[in-house]
Protein backbone atom coordinates (compact mmCIF):
# COMPACT_ATOMS: atom_id res chain seq x y z
CA UNK A 1 0.00 0.03 0.11
CA UNK A 2 1.21 3.46 -0.76
CA UNK A 3 1.21 5.60 2.44
CA UNK A 4 -0.33 8.66 0.43
CA UNK A 5 -3.21 6.26 -0.07
CA UNK A 6 -4.09 5.61 3.75
CA UNK A 7 -3.20 8.86 4.45
CA UNK A 8 -6.61 10.17 1.82
CA UNK A 9 -8.45 7.39 3.03
CA UNK A 10 -8.19 8.24 6.97
CA UNK A 11 -9.13 12.02 5.52
CA UNK A 12 -12.12 10.57 3.89
CA UNK A 13 -13.17 8.72 7.15
CA UNK A 14 -12.39 12.02 9.09
CA UNK A 15 -13.79 14.69 6.68
CA UNK A 16 -17.33 13.35 6.72
CA UNK A 17 -18.04 12.90 10.26
CA UNK A 18 -16.10 16.43 10.65
CA UNK A 19 -18.35 17.74 8.11
CA UNK A 20 -21.64 16.54 9.63
CA UNK A 21 -20.70 17.83 12.96
CA UNK A 22 -19.95 21.20 11.71
CA UNK A 23 -23.56 21.12 9.86
CA UNK A 24 -25.28 20.28 13.22
CA UNK A 25 -23.42 22.85 15.26
CA UNK A 26 -24.05 25.63 12.55
CA UNK A 27 -27.43 24.98 12.42
CA UNK A 28 -28.01 24.60 16.14
CA UNK A 29 -26.25 27.58 16.84
CA UNK A 30 -28.61 29.60 14.25
CA UNK A 31 -31.80 27.46 15.97
CA UNK A 32 -30.60 29.00 19.49
CA UNK A 33 -29.01 32.44 18.53
CA UNK A 34 -30.69 33.41 15.03
CA UNK A 35 -33.46 35.82 13.73
CA UNK A 36 -35.97 33.04 14.31
CA UNK A 37 -34.20 30.90 17.03
CA UNK A 38 -35.30 30.49 20.24
CA UNK A 39 -34.08 33.70 22.08
CA UNK A 40 -35.57 35.41 19.33
CA UNK A 41 -39.17 33.78 20.26
CA UNK A 42 -38.93 34.38 23.95
CA UNK A 43 -37.97 37.49 23.60
CA UNK A 44 -41.36 38.13 21.38
CA UNK A 45 -43.21 36.24 23.78
CA UNK A 46 -42.21 38.48 26.82
CA UNK A 47 -42.80 41.63 24.56
CA UNK A 48 -46.36 40.22 23.45
CA UNK A 49 -47.24 39.79 27.44
CA UNK A 50 -45.84 42.82 28.28
CA UNK A 51 -48.12 44.85 25.56
CA UNK A 52 -51.14 42.81 26.99
CA UNK A 53 -50.63 43.92 30.57
CA UNK A 54 -50.13 47.64 28.82
CA UNK A 55 -53.75 46.87 26.68
CA UNK A 56 -55.17 45.85 29.86
CA UNK A 57 -54.40 48.97 31.76
CA UNK A 58 -55.25 51.17 28.98
CA UNK A 59 -58.75 49.59 28.71
CA UNK A 60 -59.70 50.26 32.10
CA UNK A 61 -58.43 53.77 32.03
CA UNK A 62 -60.80 53.71 28.95
CA UNK A 63 -63.85 52.40 30.78
CA UNK A 64 -63.19 54.66 33.95
CA UNK A 65 -63.18 57.77 31.11
CA UNK A 66 -66.32 56.67 29.55
CA UNK A 67 -68.03 56.40 32.61
CA UNK A 68 -66.87 59.37 33.77
CA UNK A 69 -68.12 61.27 30.31
CA UNK A 70 -71.11 59.47 30.47
CA UNK A 71 -71.89 61.33 33.80
CA UNK A 72 -71.63 64.75 32.27
CA UNK A 73 -73.99 64.05 29.18
CA UNK A 74 -76.77 65.87 29.43
CA UNK A 75 -79.49 63.09 29.36
CA UNK A 76 -77.66 61.26 32.38
CA UNK A 77 -76.49 64.76 34.14
CA UNK A 78 -74.91 63.76 37.23
CA UNK A 79 -75.15 67.20 39.41
CA UNK A 80 -72.40 65.87 41.57
CA UNK A 81 -69.92 65.10 38.49
CA UNK A 82 -70.90 68.36 37.12
CA UNK A 83 -69.78 70.22 40.24
CA UNK A 84 -66.63 68.42 40.87
CA UNK A 85 -65.75 69.28 37.18
CA UNK A 86 -66.67 72.69 37.44
CA UNK A 87 -64.89 73.32 40.75
CA UNK A 88 -61.43 71.41 39.34
CA UNK A 89 -61.39 73.72 36.25
CA UNK A 90 -62.07 76.91 37.80
CA UNK A 91 -60.36 75.95 41.03
CA UNK A 92 -63.15 77.19 43.30
CA UNK A 93 -63.35 75.65 46.70
CA UNK A 94 -65.77 76.85 49.66
CA UNK A 95 -63.67 77.24 53.08
CA UNK A 96 -66.36 74.57 54.31
CA UNK A 97 -65.57 72.21 51.58
CA UNK A 98 -63.57 68.77 52.73
CA UNK A 99 -61.53 68.00 49.76
CA UNK A 100 -60.72 64.04 49.48
CA UNK A 101 -57.86 63.83 46.78
CA UNK A 102 -58.78 61.09 44.14
CA UNK A 103 -55.50 60.17 42.62
CA UNK A 104 -56.88 58.68 39.27
CA UNK A 105 -58.83 61.93 38.55
CA UNK A 106 -55.90 63.84 39.24
CA UNK A 107 -54.49 62.13 36.49
CA UNK A 108 -57.13 62.50 34.34
CA UNK A 109 -57.91 65.72 34.96
CA UNK A 110 -54.48 66.79 34.12
CA UNK A 111 -54.66 66.03 30.57
CA UNK A 112 -55.27 68.72 28.04
């Protein structure tokens, strides 16, 4: 046997598994780290959960605002709500009035 043929045969025996291992490593790395890999999927899921939480908070705030607007409509006017809004807008308070701050109303009345 020729020593050159022995070397070629050994290279062929090693080259196939080495190429296969390299391909598996390449695709495995990109399956985890790539643009559509597991880490990107986890980040996307976290972003969706965060957006759902923010949507629930905004929806609750919208319901509160809609309820307050309904109380100010002419067909269902609530005199207490009207007086509260007028006093808040004008900054008028009697000396005998008891003021109980509502944190949600402060953020709502601060809006332009």
